Every structure is written in C-alpha cells, then in structure tokens.
Amino acid sequence: MGAEHRAGLCSVCLISVATVCTTQLTRSAQNHLHAPGFVAYVHIAMMTLLLPLAWACRKDDSSPFLASAKDVCVFLPLWVVSNYGLVQALALAPAGLVQCLFGTGPAQVAILSRVFLEEPLTSLRILAVLLAFAGVLALAAHAKFQGDSALNVLLGTCCALLAVVAAACYKVAFKLRLGTPPAYVVLGVVGTLGLVATVLGLPVVLLLSFLGLEDRWWSSSATVDWSLVFGSAAFDMVYNTSMAWGLAVSSPVFVSLGANVGTPVNMFVDAVLHGDWPSLPQYCGTVLIAISFIMLVFCESGQARPVTRQVSQSLIMASS
C-alpha cells in the first residue's frame, strides 16, 4: 500500500468519525431550535479558522494559498447547498435515514469521475458501489421515523438528496480543478470558502430570522445549546478538511465509498442513544458496506490514475 493510499485511508477514517459526531450533535442542537440556516452558517463560518493555519504552513512568503475567484464561484454554491441541505434534512428526518440517503453518493461520484476525471470505471469499482448501495438500502429498509410526521420525512428526504448531489459534484470538481495540491493549499481553499460564506451569509441568516422563517437565535426566549452548536461546527470543520485532504491525495470514488463507513456507525450510535437496535437486515447492510470498502482498500491500491493539474492557476496571492 503506497503512501498516498495510506493517507487516503487515514482521511477516510477521520471523515467517518467526523460524520457521526457532526450528525449526532447537529440533530441534538436542533431539538429545541428551528434555525437550520443559522446552524449551517456557524458550521461554514468555523472554516475561516483554517486560514491562519494555512498561512503558517506555507513553504515561503510567496506561496499562494487562497482560492481564486473562479474556484470560489464553483465550490461555494455546491458547498453551501450540501451543508444547508444536510442541516435542514437532519432537522426534518431521522439521522439514520439521512445517512442512508447519503449512501447513494458513491454511485454519483463514480459516474462523474468517469466523465470528468476519466478515472477507470472498473468492474471492482462497480461491484464495490453496488455492494455499498445494497448495504444502505438494507439499513434504510428498517429505518424508523421515531414519531416524525410523513411530511417532515418527505421534505427531509428531498433536502438530503439535494445535499448528496451537491456533495458529489463538489468532490469531483475539487479534484478536477485542484488535482493534488499541498496541505497548505487545501487548508487555504477551505478557509477561503468559509470566509466568503461568512461575509455573504450573515445578511441571509438575519433575514430568515427577522421574517420568522427561523427562530431568532439571539432572543432570550430561544433555546440554544451553544456547546452543541459549536461542537457540531468543530466536527464539521474536521469533516470538510479531511474530505478536501482525501480528495487531494486519493480518488473521489475511494473517498466517497470510505465515507459510507460512517453510516452503520451512525446507526449504532442512534441505537445506543435512542434504544432502537439494528435488525438482521441492518446488520447485513453493515457487512456489505464494510466489504465494499475493504475491496477498494486492499484490491485497488495505486490502480486509480491520478489527475494532475497545476494549482498555481487556481489560486491567488493573499495580497491580490
């Protein structure tokens, strides 16, 4: 197993842990607070903290690390839709169901990678994607709505599907435009997206609250657990950073399939917290997801053709 493949595996482990923690904390933060836009805004704003780290990790003072305006225009809409769609979905539907819907992501990423990155759509990858999809179907087949209304579940499902499409496009676009950038560039790009979204998103978040579409989180009457809000945002920052790092050193298909490992883990966490233990089909689904990931880890190491691009044209200097 090569160094790049080991780095990709490490990033997948971080993604899985961060996915479970973000999902559970985000859902808990919204138990008594209807403000998905505000929660998503905090998550995105937290990414700004990566900019000082990117600046400190530069090779020299002349190394560019901020995302270009074109990259921001490509990545930011996909990023915002993915983040907001996930938060809104978790506010409407059970966390386990949302994670199951995200299990369709690898199939979308595999197709997009074949079209735009010219990555081989091998029989191994097709089998791994099919096994992963069968696994999430088995998990979803026994998912319980825990008292949520049918309308909320339907709306949450739509938000989750929109989020997973945006996330798949983001993964492929990141690899297509940036190729294999150094660590400080990864931090700088994610931090730049966070900074731009923080500036542009504040009026939108305030408008949603003033119009009564969301709770006024600054009001004394609002129930806001700030530890959960900022805790979920911190894990989301780990998730986005690990995702960008994984895309930089590995294939989007591998990263997307690996991220599915968090789905059964999230199910078991739901079981411990809510007492809804998995059924036999859900255990089988967990095994299928694990097999699909293991297949790529041990059978495809170093086979995927990396996309090589010059990142200097996609970045601008901090002083620009």
C-alpha atoms as a PDB file:
ATOM      1  CA  MET A   1       0.000   0.000   0.000  1.00  0.00           C
ATOM      2  CA  GLY A   2       1.557   3.267  -1.146  1.00  0.00           C
ATOM      3  CA  ALA A   3       1.962   6.422   0.905  1.00  0.00           C
ATOM      4  CA  GLU A   4      -0.816   8.218  -0.942  1.00  0.00           C
ATOM      5  CA  HIS A   5      -3.202   5.318  -0.418  1.00  0.00           C
ATOM      6  CA  ARG A   6      -2.367   5.243   3.304  1.00  0.00           C
ATOM      7  CA  ALA A   7      -3.002   8.974   3.507  1.00  0.00           C
ATOM      8  CA  GLY A   8      -6.332   8.495   1.758  1.00  0.00           C
ATOM      9  CA  LEU A   9      -7.255   5.726   4.202  1.00  0.00           C
ATOM     10  CA  CYS A  10      -6.350   7.968   7.133  1.00  0.00           C
ATOM     11  CA  SER A  11      -8.523  10.765   5.752  1.00  0.00           C
ATOM     12  CA  VAL A  12     -11.434   8.349   5.330  1.00  0.00           C
ATOM     13  CA  CYS A  13     -11.161   7.330   8.992  1.00  0.00           C
ATOM     14  CA  LEU A  14     -11.296  10.986  10.037  1.00  0.00           C
ATOM     15  CA  ILE A  15     -14.240  11.592   7.701  1.00  0.00           C
ATOM     16  CA  SER A  16     -16.174   8.686   9.209  1.00  0.00           C
ATOM     17  CA  VAL A  17     -15.614   9.804  12.787  1.00  0.00           C
ATOM     18  CA  ALA A  18     -16.416  13.426  11.973  1.00  0.00           C
ATOM     19  CA  THR A  19     -19.554  12.398  10.051  1.00  0.00           C
ATOM     20  CA  VAL A  20     -21.006  10.529  13.025  1.00  0.00           C
ATOM     21  CA  CYS A  21     -20.139  13.261  15.528  1.00  0.00           C
ATOM     22  CA  THR A  22     -21.420  16.072  13.290  1.00  0.00           C
ATOM     23  CA  THR A  23     -24.664  14.259  12.513  1.00  0.00           C
ATOM     24  CA  GLN A  24     -25.486  13.446  16.123  1.00  0.00           C
ATOM     25  CA  LEU A  25     -24.500  16.837  17.557  1.00  0.00           C
ATOM     26  CA  THR A  26     -26.261  18.787  14.788  1.00  0.00           C
ATOM     27  CA  ARG A  27     -29.504  16.893  15.331  1.00  0.00           C
ATOM     28  CA  SER A  28     -29.263  17.384  19.098  1.00  0.00           C
ATOM     29  CA  ALA A  29     -28.574  21.103  18.658  1.00  0.00           C
ATOM     30  CA  GLN A  30     -31.855  21.456  16.749  1.00  0.00           C
ATOM     31  CA  ASN A  31     -34.074  19.563  19.203  1.00  0.00           C
ATOM     32  CA  HIS A  32     -35.470  22.818  20.588  1.00  0.00           C
ATOM     33  CA  LEU A  33     -34.195  25.264  17.974  1.00  0.00           C
ATOM     34  CA  HIS A  34     -35.623  25.654  14.477  1.00  0.00           C
ATOM     35  CA  ALA A  35     -32.821  27.557  12.782  1.00  0.00           C
ATOM     36  CA  PRO A  36     -31.102  25.284  10.231  1.00  0.00           C
ATOM     37  CA  GLY A  37     -29.789  28.285   8.302  1.00  0.00           C
ATOM     38  CA  PHE A  38     -28.112  29.680  11.406  1.00  0.00           C
ATOM     39  CA  VAL A  39     -26.648  26.290  12.377  1.00  0.00           C
ATOM     40  CA  ALA A  40     -25.305  25.787   8.840  1.00  0.00           C
ATOM     41  CA  TYR A  41     -23.906  29.328   8.929  1.00  0.00           C
ATOM     42  CA  VAL A  42     -21.976  28.602  12.134  1.00  0.00           C
ATOM     43  CA  HIS A  43     -20.614  25.411  10.572  1.00  0.00           C
ATOM     44  CA  ILE A  44     -19.402  27.260   7.494  1.00  0.00           C
ATOM     45  CA  ALA A  45     -18.051  30.248   9.414  1.00  0.00           C
ATOM     46  CA  MET A  46     -15.919  27.912  11.528  1.00  0.00           C
ATOM     47  CA  MET A  47     -13.880  27.067   8.406  1.00  0.00           C
ATOM     48  CA  THR A  48     -12.403  30.577   8.492  1.00  0.00           C
ATOM     49  CA  LEU A  49     -10.189  29.408  11.366  1.00  0.00           C
ATOM     50  CA  LEU A  50      -8.198  27.355   8.852  1.00  0.00           C
ATOM     51  CA  LEU A  51      -6.785  30.446   7.127  1.00  0.00           C
ATOM     52  CA  PRO A  52      -4.202  31.299   9.830  1.00  0.00           C
ATOM     53  CA  LEU A  53      -3.117  27.658   9.823  1.00  0.00           C
ATOM     54  CA  ALA A  54      -2.749  27.686   6.037  1.00  0.00           C
ATOM     55  CA  TRP A  55      -0.715  30.895   6.216  1.00  0.00           C
ATOM     56  CA  ALA A  56       1.591  29.384   8.843  1.00  0.00           C
ATOM     57  CA  CYS A  57       2.119  26.188   6.821  1.00  0.00           C
ATOM     58  CA  ARG A  58       3.259  27.939   3.626  1.00  0.00           C
ATOM     59  CA  LYS A  59       6.600  26.942   2.186  1.00  0.00           C
ATOM     60  CA  ASP A  60       7.626  30.578   1.851  1.00  0.00           C
ATOM     61  CA  ASP A  61       6.073  34.050   1.894  1.00  0.00           C
ATOM     62  CA  SER A  62       5.430  33.973  -1.855  1.00  0.00           C
ATOM     63  CA  SER A  63       3.410  30.744  -1.831  1.00  0.00           C
ATOM     64  CA  PRO A  64      -0.229  31.340  -2.856  1.00  0.00           C
ATOM     65  CA  PHE A  65      -2.793  29.632  -0.661  1.00  0.00           C
ATOM     66  CA  LEU A  66      -6.124  31.439  -1.095  1.00  0.00           C
ATOM     67  CA  ALA A  67      -8.731  30.118  -3.535  1.00  0.00           C
ATOM     68  CA  SER A  68      -9.204  32.074  -6.730  1.00  0.00           C
ATOM     69  CA  ALA A  69     -12.444  33.891  -7.515  1.00  0.00           C
ATOM     70  CA  LYS A  70     -13.286  31.230 -10.107  1.00  0.00           C
ATOM     71  CA  ASP A  71     -12.768  28.438  -7.581  1.00  0.00           C
ATOM     72  CA  VAL A  72     -14.990  30.230  -5.089  1.00  0.00           C
ATOM     73  CA  CYS A  73     -17.736  30.553  -7.734  1.00  0.00           C
ATOM     74  CA  VAL A  74     -17.506  26.821  -8.460  1.00  0.00           C
ATOM     75  CA  PHE A  75     -17.054  25.396  -4.957  1.00  0.00           C
ATOM     76  CA  LEU A  76     -19.045  27.750  -2.743  1.00  0.00           C
ATOM     77  CA  PRO A  77     -22.569  27.150  -4.157  1.00  0.00           C
ATOM     78  CA  LEU A  78     -22.056  23.376  -4.039  1.00  0.00           C
ATOM     79  CA  TRP A  79     -20.609  23.600  -0.538  1.00  0.00           C
ATOM     80  CA  VAL A  80     -23.405  25.794   0.819  1.00  0.00           C
ATOM     81  CA  VAL A  81     -26.157  23.641  -0.723  1.00  0.00           C
ATOM     82  CA  SER A  82     -24.544  20.487   0.646  1.00  0.00           C
ATOM     83  CA  ASN A  83     -24.133  21.907   4.170  1.00  0.00           C
ATOM     84  CA  TYR A  84     -27.543  23.587   4.361  1.00  0.00           C
ATOM     85  CA  GLY A  85     -29.295  20.595   2.813  1.00  0.00           C
ATOM     86  CA  LEU A  86     -27.742  18.265   5.390  1.00  0.00           C
ATOM     87  CA  VAL A  87     -28.635  20.510   8.339  1.00  0.00           C
ATOM     88  CA  GLN A  88     -32.207  21.012   7.083  1.00  0.00           C
ATOM     89  CA  ALA A  89     -32.579  17.273   6.439  1.00  0.00           C
ATOM     90  CA  LEU A  90     -31.434  16.461   9.977  1.00  0.00           C
ATOM     91  CA  ALA A  91     -33.979  18.941  11.307  1.00  0.00           C
ATOM     92  CA  LEU A  92     -36.810  17.153   9.493  1.00  0.00           C
ATOM     93  CA  ALA A  93     -35.895  13.469   9.236  1.00  0.00           C
ATOM     94  CA  PRO A  94     -34.136  10.852  11.409  1.00  0.00           C
ATOM     95  CA  ALA A  95     -30.349  10.973  11.311  1.00  0.00           C
ATOM     96  CA  GLY A  96     -30.101   7.317  10.274  1.00  0.00           C
ATOM     97  CA  LEU A  97     -32.372   7.875   7.271  1.00  0.00           C
ATOM     98  CA  VAL A  98     -30.377  10.929   6.193  1.00  0.00           C
ATOM     99  CA  GLN A  99     -27.136   8.976   6.369  1.00  0.00           C
ATOM    100  CA  CYS A 100     -28.687   6.166   4.327  1.00  0.00           C
ATOM    101  CA  LEU A 101     -29.639   8.601   1.576  1.00  0.00           C
ATOM    102  CA  PHE A 102     -26.062   9.830   1.545  1.00  0.00           C
ATOM    103  CA  GLY A 103     -25.129   6.253   0.695  1.00  0.00           C
ATOM    104  CA  THR A 104     -26.182   6.923  -2.900  1.00  0.00           C
ATOM    105  CA  GLY A 105     -23.291   9.374  -3.198  1.00  0.00           C
ATOM    106  CA  PRO A 106     -20.576   6.890  -4.299  1.00  0.00           C
ATOM    107  CA  ALA A 107     -22.565   5.881  -7.374  1.00  0.00           C
ATOM    108  CA  GLN A 108     -22.921   9.519  -8.408  1.00  0.00           C
ATOM    109  CA  VAL A 109     -19.246  10.206  -7.733  1.00  0.00           C
ATOM    110  CA  ALA A 110     -18.187   7.131  -9.733  1.00  0.00           C
ATOM    111  CA  ILE A 111     -20.156   8.268 -12.779  1.00  0.00           C
ATOM    112  CA  LEU A 112     -18.990  11.882 -12.540  1.00  0.00           C
ATOM    113  CA  SER A 113     -15.373  10.759 -12.062  1.00  0.00           C
ATOM    114  CA  ARG A 114     -15.602   8.631 -15.182  1.00  0.00           C
ATOM    115  CA  VAL A 115     -16.998  11.518 -17.241  1.00  0.00           C
ATOM    116  CA  PHE A 116     -14.916  14.449 -15.971  1.00  0.00           C
ATOM    117  CA  LEU A 117     -11.766  12.877 -14.496  1.00  0.00           C
ATOM    118  CA  GLU A 118     -11.517   9.954 -16.930  1.00  0.00           C
ATOM    119  CA  GLU A 119     -10.979   7.604 -13.993  1.00  0.00           C
ATOM    120  CA  PRO A 120     -11.473   3.936 -14.899  1.00  0.00           C
ATOM    121  CA  LEU A 121     -14.904   2.564 -14.060  1.00  0.00           C
ATOM    122  CA  THR A 122     -13.526  -0.901 -13.353  1.00  0.00           C
ATOM    123  CA  SER A 123     -15.590  -3.962 -12.515  1.00  0.00           C
ATOM    124  CA  LEU A 124     -14.146  -3.776  -8.990  1.00  0.00           C
ATOM    125  CA  ARG A 125     -15.415  -0.242  -8.503  1.00  0.00           C
ATOM    126  CA  ILE A 126     -18.817  -1.086  -9.950  1.00  0.00           C
ATOM    127  CA  LEU A 127     -19.113  -4.077  -7.610  1.00  0.00           C
ATOM    128  CA  ALA A 128     -17.984  -2.000  -4.616  1.00  0.00           C
ATOM    129  CA  VAL A 129     -20.520   0.742  -5.407  1.00  0.00           C
ATOM    130  CA  LEU A 130     -23.311  -1.813  -5.838  1.00  0.00           C
ATOM    131  CA  LEU A 131     -22.447  -3.530  -2.548  1.00  0.00           C
ATOM    132  CA  ALA A 132     -22.373  -0.194  -0.743  1.00  0.00           C
ATOM    133  CA  PHE A 133     -25.712   0.797  -2.244  1.00  0.00           C
ATOM    134  CA  ALA A 134     -27.236  -2.558  -1.289  1.00  0.00           C
ATOM    135  CA  GLY A 135     -25.884  -2.022   2.203  1.00  0.00           C
ATOM    136  CA  VAL A 136     -27.516   1.374   2.659  1.00  0.00           C
ATOM    137  CA  LEU A 137     -30.777   0.014   1.230  1.00  0.00           C
ATOM    138  CA  ALA A 138     -30.706  -2.715   3.869  1.00  0.00           C
ATOM    139  CA  LEU A 139     -30.103  -0.102   6.530  1.00  0.00           C
ATOM    140  CA  ALA A 140     -32.879   2.131   5.212  1.00  0.00           C
ATOM    141  CA  ALA A 141     -35.387  -0.695   4.818  1.00  0.00           C
ATOM    142  CA  HIS A 142     -35.831  -0.944   8.577  1.00  0.00           C
ATOM    143  CA  ALA A 143     -35.313   2.721   9.442  1.00  0.00           C
ATOM    144  CA  LYS A 144     -37.933   4.044  11.846  1.00  0.00           C
ATOM    145  CA  PHE A 145     -39.193   7.606  11.755  1.00  0.00           C
ATOM    146  CA  GLN A 146     -39.319   7.941  15.557  1.00  0.00           C
ATOM    147  CA  GLY A 147     -42.547   9.923  15.553  1.00  0.00           C
ATOM    148  CA  ASP A 148     -41.665  12.331  12.763  1.00  0.00           C
ATOM    149  CA  SER A 149     -44.564  13.291  10.509  1.00  0.00           C
ATOM    150  CA  ALA A 150     -44.697  11.888   6.983  1.00  0.00           C
ATOM    151  CA  LEU A 151     -44.454  15.400   5.509  1.00  0.00           C
ATOM    152  CA  ASN A 152     -41.329  16.214   7.511  1.00  0.00           C
ATOM    153  CA  VAL A 153     -39.727  12.945   6.478  1.00  0.00           C
ATOM    154  CA  LEU A 154     -40.551  13.639   2.831  1.00  0.00           C
ATOM    155  CA  LEU A 155     -39.122  17.167   2.975  1.00  0.00           C
ATOM    156  CA  GLY A 156     -36.078  15.916   4.848  1.00  0.00           C
ATOM    157  CA  THR A 157     -35.551  13.247   2.204  1.00  0.00           C
ATOM    158  CA  CYS A 158     -35.656  15.867  -0.575  1.00  0.00           C
ATOM    159  CA  CYS A 159     -33.147  18.046   1.286  1.00  0.00           C
ATOM    160  CA  ALA A 160     -30.850  15.077   1.838  1.00  0.00           C
ATOM    161  CA  LEU A 161     -30.950  14.076  -1.835  1.00  0.00           C
ATOM    162  CA  LEU A 162     -30.199  17.663  -2.888  1.00  0.00           C
ATOM    163  CA  ALA A 163     -27.299  17.733  -0.452  1.00  0.00           C
ATOM    164  CA  VAL A 164     -25.833  14.455  -1.684  1.00  0.00           C
ATOM    165  CA  VAL A 165     -25.961  15.582  -5.333  1.00  0.00           C
ATOM    166  CA  ALA A 166     -24.189  18.831  -4.423  1.00  0.00           C
ATOM    167  CA  ALA A 167     -21.631  16.915  -2.354  1.00  0.00           C
ATOM    168  CA  ALA A 168     -20.874  14.537  -5.241  1.00  0.00           C
ATOM    169  CA  CYS A 169     -20.373  17.458  -7.627  1.00  0.00           C
ATOM    170  CA  TYR A 170     -18.125  19.191  -5.070  1.00  0.00           C
ATOM    171  CA  LYS A 171     -15.873  16.121  -4.707  1.00  0.00           C
ATOM    172  CA  VAL A 172     -15.338  15.735  -8.430  1.00  0.00           C
ATOM    173  CA  ALA A 173     -14.977  19.480  -9.074  1.00  0.00           C
ATOM    174  CA  PHE A 174     -12.370  19.771  -6.292  1.00  0.00           C
ATOM    175  CA  LYS A 175     -10.232  17.027  -7.827  1.00  0.00           C
ATOM    176  CA  LEU A 176     -10.748  18.317 -11.362  1.00  0.00           C
ATOM    177  CA  ARG A 177      -9.705  21.898 -10.619  1.00  0.00           C
ATOM    178  CA  LEU A 178      -7.007  21.430  -7.960  1.00  0.00           C
ATOM    179  CA  GLY A 179      -5.557  17.992  -8.691  1.00  0.00           C
ATOM    180  CA  THR A 180      -3.128  17.086  -5.881  1.00  0.00           C
ATOM    181  CA  PRO A 181      -2.338  20.330  -4.020  1.00  0.00           C
ATOM    182  CA  PRO A 182      -0.103  20.586  -0.932  1.00  0.00           C
ATOM    183  CA  ALA A 183      -1.641  20.667   2.552  1.00  0.00           C
ATOM    184  CA  TYR A 184      -1.467  24.444   2.980  1.00  0.00           C
ATOM    185  CA  VAL A 185      -3.406  24.929  -0.265  1.00  0.00           C
ATOM    186  CA  VAL A 186      -6.123  22.531   0.934  1.00  0.00           C
ATOM    187  CA  LEU A 187      -6.424  24.487   4.182  1.00  0.00           C
ATOM    188  CA  GLY A 188      -6.379  27.795   2.325  1.00  0.00           C
ATOM    189  CA  VAL A 189      -9.086  26.812  -0.159  1.00  0.00           C
ATOM    190  CA  VAL A 190     -11.458  25.514   2.523  1.00  0.00           C
ATOM    191  CA  GLY A 191     -10.707  28.540   4.710  1.00  0.00           C
ATOM    192  CA  THR A 192     -11.350  30.944   1.832  1.00  0.00           C
ATOM    193  CA  LEU A 193     -14.732  29.351   1.193  1.00  0.00           C
ATOM    194  CA  GLY A 194     -15.549  29.745   4.874  1.00  0.00           C
ATOM    195  CA  LEU A 195     -14.541  33.408   4.893  1.00  0.00           C
ATOM    196  CA  VAL A 196     -16.545  34.329   1.793  1.00  0.00           C
ATOM    197  CA  ALA A 197     -19.591  32.401   3.026  1.00  0.00           C
ATOM    198  CA  THR A 198     -19.338  34.115   6.427  1.00  0.00           C
ATOM    199  CA  VAL A 199     -19.464  37.579   4.868  1.00  0.00           C
ATOM    200  CA  LEU A 200     -22.164  36.829   2.304  1.00  0.00           C
ATOM    201  CA  GLY A 201     -24.263  34.585   4.538  1.00  0.00           C
ATOM    202  CA  LEU A 202     -24.775  36.837   7.562  1.00  0.00           C
ATOM    203  CA  PRO A 203     -27.478  39.053   5.948  1.00  0.00           C
ATOM    204  CA  VAL A 204     -29.288  35.941   4.723  1.00  0.00           C
ATOM    205  CA  VAL A 205     -29.286  34.310   8.155  1.00  0.00           C
ATOM    206  CA  LEU A 206     -30.534  37.502   9.823  1.00  0.00           C
ATOM    207  CA  LEU A 207     -33.253  37.932   7.177  1.00  0.00           C
ATOM    208  CA  LEU A 208     -34.529  34.373   7.722  1.00  0.00           C
ATOM    209  CA  SER A 209     -34.883  35.078  11.443  1.00  0.00           C
ATOM    210  CA  PHE A 210     -36.480  38.513  11.047  1.00  0.00           C
ATOM    211  CA  LEU A 211     -39.046  37.092   8.605  1.00  0.00           C
ATOM    212  CA  GLY A 212     -39.997  34.431  11.118  1.00  0.00           C
ATOM    213  CA  LEU A 213     -38.844  31.558   8.905  1.00  0.00           C
ATOM    214  CA  GLU A 214     -36.396  30.526  11.615  1.00  0.00           C
ATOM    215  CA  ASP A 215     -36.139  31.049  15.365  1.00  0.00           C
ATOM    216  CA  ARG A 216     -34.455  34.251  16.462  1.00  0.00           C
ATOM    217  CA  TRP A 217     -31.407  32.614  17.979  1.00  0.00           C
ATOM    218  CA  TRP A 218     -30.309  35.821  19.737  1.00  0.00           C
ATOM    219  CA  SER A 219     -33.612  36.131  21.601  1.00  0.00           C
ATOM    220  CA  SER A 220     -33.782  35.243  25.290  1.00  0.00           C
ATOM    221  CA  SER A 221     -36.840  33.127  24.524  1.00  0.00           C
ATOM    222  CA  ALA A 222     -34.891  30.886  22.124  1.00  0.00           C
ATOM    223  CA  THR A 223     -33.413  27.683  23.481  1.00  0.00           C
ATOM    224  CA  VAL A 224     -29.890  27.466  22.105  1.00  0.00           C
ATOM    225  CA  ASP A 225     -27.353  24.936  23.364  1.00  0.00           C
ATOM    226  CA  TRP A 226     -24.221  26.734  22.237  1.00  0.00           C
ATOM    227  CA  SER A 227     -21.953  23.842  23.206  1.00  0.00           C
ATOM    228  CA  LEU A 228     -23.811  21.589  20.757  1.00  0.00           C
ATOM    229  CA  VAL A 229     -23.900  24.236  18.015  1.00  0.00           C
ATOM    230  CA  PHE A 230     -20.182  24.992  18.187  1.00  0.00           C
ATOM    231  CA  GLY A 231     -19.270  21.366  18.902  1.00  0.00           C
ATOM    232  CA  SER A 232     -21.049  20.181  15.771  1.00  0.00           C
ATOM    233  CA  ALA A 233     -19.402  23.014  13.818  1.00  0.00           C
ATOM    234  CA  ALA A 234     -15.963  21.960  15.060  1.00  0.00           C
ATOM    235  CA  PHE A 235     -16.502  18.379  13.901  1.00  0.00           C
ATOM    236  CA  ASP A 236     -17.879  19.676  10.613  1.00  0.00           C
ATOM    237  CA  MET A 237     -14.645  21.610  10.155  1.00  0.00           C
ATOM    238  CA  VAL A 238     -12.721  18.357  10.685  1.00  0.00           C
ATOM    239  CA  TYR A 239     -15.043  16.665   8.182  1.00  0.00           C
ATOM    240  CA  ASN A 240     -14.602  19.298   5.450  1.00  0.00           C
ATOM    241  CA  THR A 241     -10.841  19.480   5.958  1.00  0.00           C
ATOM    242  CA  SER A 242     -10.468  15.686   5.929  1.00  0.00           C
ATOM    243  CA  MET A 243     -12.670  15.489   2.844  1.00  0.00           C
ATOM    244  CA  ALA A 244     -10.554  18.046   0.982  1.00  0.00           C
ATOM    245  CA  TRP A 245      -7.352  16.309   2.096  1.00  0.00           C
ATOM    246  CA  GLY A 246      -8.682  12.911   0.996  1.00  0.00           C
ATOM    247  CA  LEU A 247      -9.669  14.292  -2.401  1.00  0.00           C
ATOM    248  CA  ALA A 248      -6.205  15.799  -2.789  1.00  0.00           C
ATOM    249  CA  VAL A 249      -4.320  12.553  -2.130  1.00  0.00           C
ATOM    250  CA  SER A 250      -6.757   9.929  -3.372  1.00  0.00           C
ATOM    251  CA  SER A 251      -9.609   9.174  -5.765  1.00  0.00           C
ATOM    252  CA  PRO A 252     -13.033  10.771  -5.209  1.00  0.00           C
ATOM    253  CA  VAL A 253     -14.594   7.312  -5.582  1.00  0.00           C
ATOM    254  CA  PHE A 254     -12.416   5.883  -2.801  1.00  0.00           C
ATOM    255  CA  VAL A 255     -13.137   8.832  -0.506  1.00  0.00           C
ATOM    256  CA  SER A 256     -16.860   8.703  -1.206  1.00  0.00           C
ATOM    257  CA  LEU A 257     -17.127   4.967  -0.588  1.00  0.00           C
ATOM    258  CA  GLY A 258     -14.996   5.230   2.520  1.00  0.00           C
ATOM    259  CA  ALA A 259     -17.228   7.937   3.916  1.00  0.00           C
ATOM    260  CA  ASN A 260     -20.071   5.389   3.839  1.00  0.00           C
ATOM    261  CA  VAL A 261     -18.388   3.600   6.733  1.00  0.00           C
ATOM    262  CA  GLY A 262     -19.856   6.293   8.964  1.00  0.00           C
ATOM    263  CA  THR A 263     -23.404   5.227   8.012  1.00  0.00           C
ATOM    264  CA  PRO A 264     -23.598   1.978  10.006  1.00  0.00           C
ATOM    265  CA  VAL A 265     -21.613   3.556  12.830  1.00  0.00           C
ATOM    266  CA  ASN A 266     -24.185   6.321  12.965  1.00  0.00           C
ATOM    267  CA  MET A 267     -26.941   3.680  13.107  1.00  0.00           C
ATOM    268  CA  PHE A 268     -25.351   2.046  16.129  1.00  0.00           C
ATOM    269  CA  VAL A 269     -24.927   5.410  17.842  1.00  0.00           C
ATOM    270  CA  ASP A 270     -28.635   6.046  17.227  1.00  0.00           C
ATOM    271  CA  ALA A 271     -29.339   2.661  18.800  1.00  0.00           C
ATOM    272  CA  VAL A 272     -27.335   3.456  21.920  1.00  0.00           C
ATOM    273  CA  LEU A 273     -28.856   6.923  22.304  1.00  0.00           C
ATOM    274  CA  HIS A 274     -32.452   6.088  21.354  1.00  0.00           C
ATOM    275  CA  GLY A 275     -32.696   2.364  22.100  1.00  0.00           C
ATOM    276  CA  ASP A 276     -33.579   1.369  18.516  1.00  0.00           C
ATOM    277  CA  TRP A 277     -31.178  -1.508  17.965  1.00  0.00           C
ATOM    278  CA  PRO A 278     -30.421  -2.715  14.424  1.00  0.00           C
ATOM    279  CA  SER A 279     -32.334  -5.604  12.908  1.00  0.00           C
ATOM    280  CA  LEU A 280     -30.849  -8.530  11.000  1.00  0.00           C
ATOM    281  CA  PRO A 281     -31.147  -6.714   7.612  1.00  0.00           C
ATOM    282  CA  GLN A 282     -29.322  -3.733   9.086  1.00  0.00           C
ATOM    283  CA  TYR A 283     -26.512  -5.953  10.333  1.00  0.00           C
ATOM    284  CA  CYS A 284     -26.286  -7.436   6.820  1.00  0.00           C
ATOM    285  CA  GLY A 285     -26.196  -3.918   5.365  1.00  0.00           C
ATOM    286  CA  THR A 286     -23.334  -3.025   7.677  1.00  0.00           C
ATOM    287  CA  VAL A 287     -21.380  -6.077   6.468  1.00  0.00           C
ATOM    288  CA  LEU A 288     -21.981  -5.184   2.811  1.00  0.00           C
ATOM    289  CA  ILE A 289     -20.725  -1.617   3.329  1.00  0.00           C
ATOM    290  CA  ALA A 290     -17.641  -2.913   5.130  1.00  0.00           C
ATOM    291  CA  ILE A 291     -16.912  -5.406   2.321  1.00  0.00           C
ATOM    292  CA  SER A 292     -17.244  -2.725  -0.363  1.00  0.00           C
ATOM    293  CA  PHE A 293     -14.735  -0.513   1.422  1.00  0.00           C
ATOM    294  CA  ILE A 294     -12.288  -3.340   2.165  1.00  0.00           C
ATOM    295  CA  MET A 295     -12.339  -4.302  -1.502  1.00  0.00           C
ATOM    296  CA  LEU A 296     -11.070  -0.873  -2.525  1.00  0.00           C
ATOM    297  CA  VAL A 297      -8.533  -0.651   0.305  1.00  0.00           C
ATOM    298  CA  PHE A 298      -6.785  -3.948  -0.447  1.00  0.00           C
ATOM    299  CA  CYS A 299      -7.569  -4.545  -4.129  1.00  0.00           C
ATOM    300  CA  GLU A 300      -7.246  -1.145  -5.758  1.00  0.00           C
ATOM    301  CA  SER A 301      -4.210   0.367  -4.051  1.00  0.00           C
ATOM    302  CA  GLY A 302      -2.378   2.518  -6.583  1.00  0.00           C
ATOM    303  CA  GLN A 303      -4.546   1.491  -9.534  1.00  0.00           C
ATOM    304  CA  ALA A 304      -6.575   4.692  -9.933  1.00  0.00           C
ATOM    305  CA  ARG A 305      -4.943   7.135 -12.332  1.00  0.00           C
ATOM    306  CA  PRO A 306      -4.396  10.415 -10.503  1.00  0.00           C
ATOM    307  CA  VAL A 307      -5.463  13.674 -12.032  1.00  0.00           C
ATOM    308  CA  THR A 308      -2.506  16.017 -12.292  1.00  0.00           C
ATOM    309  CA  ARG A 309      -3.052  19.731 -12.620  1.00  0.00           C
ATOM    310  CA  GLN A 310      -1.104  22.834 -11.859  1.00  0.00           C
ATOM    311  CA  VAL A 311      -2.704  24.502  -8.860  1.00  0.00           C
ATOM    312  CA  SER A 312      -0.967  27.813  -9.308  1.00  0.00           C
ATOM    313  CA  GLN A 313      -3.536  28.921 -11.871  1.00  0.00           C
ATOM    314  CA  SER A 314      -6.395  28.097  -9.472  1.00  0.00           C
ATOM    315  CA  LEU A 315      -5.039  30.177  -6.600  1.00  0.00           C
ATOM    316  CA  ILE A 316      -4.354  33.830  -5.897  1.00  0.00           C
ATOM    317  CA  MET A 317      -1.955  35.518  -3.572  1.00  0.00           C
ATOM    318  CA  ALA A 318      -3.283  36.807  -0.275  1.00  0.00           C
ATOM    319  CA  SER A 319      -2.393  40.282  -1.346  1.00  0.00           C
ATOM    320  CA  SER A 320      -4.261  40.067  -4.660  1.00  0.00           C
END
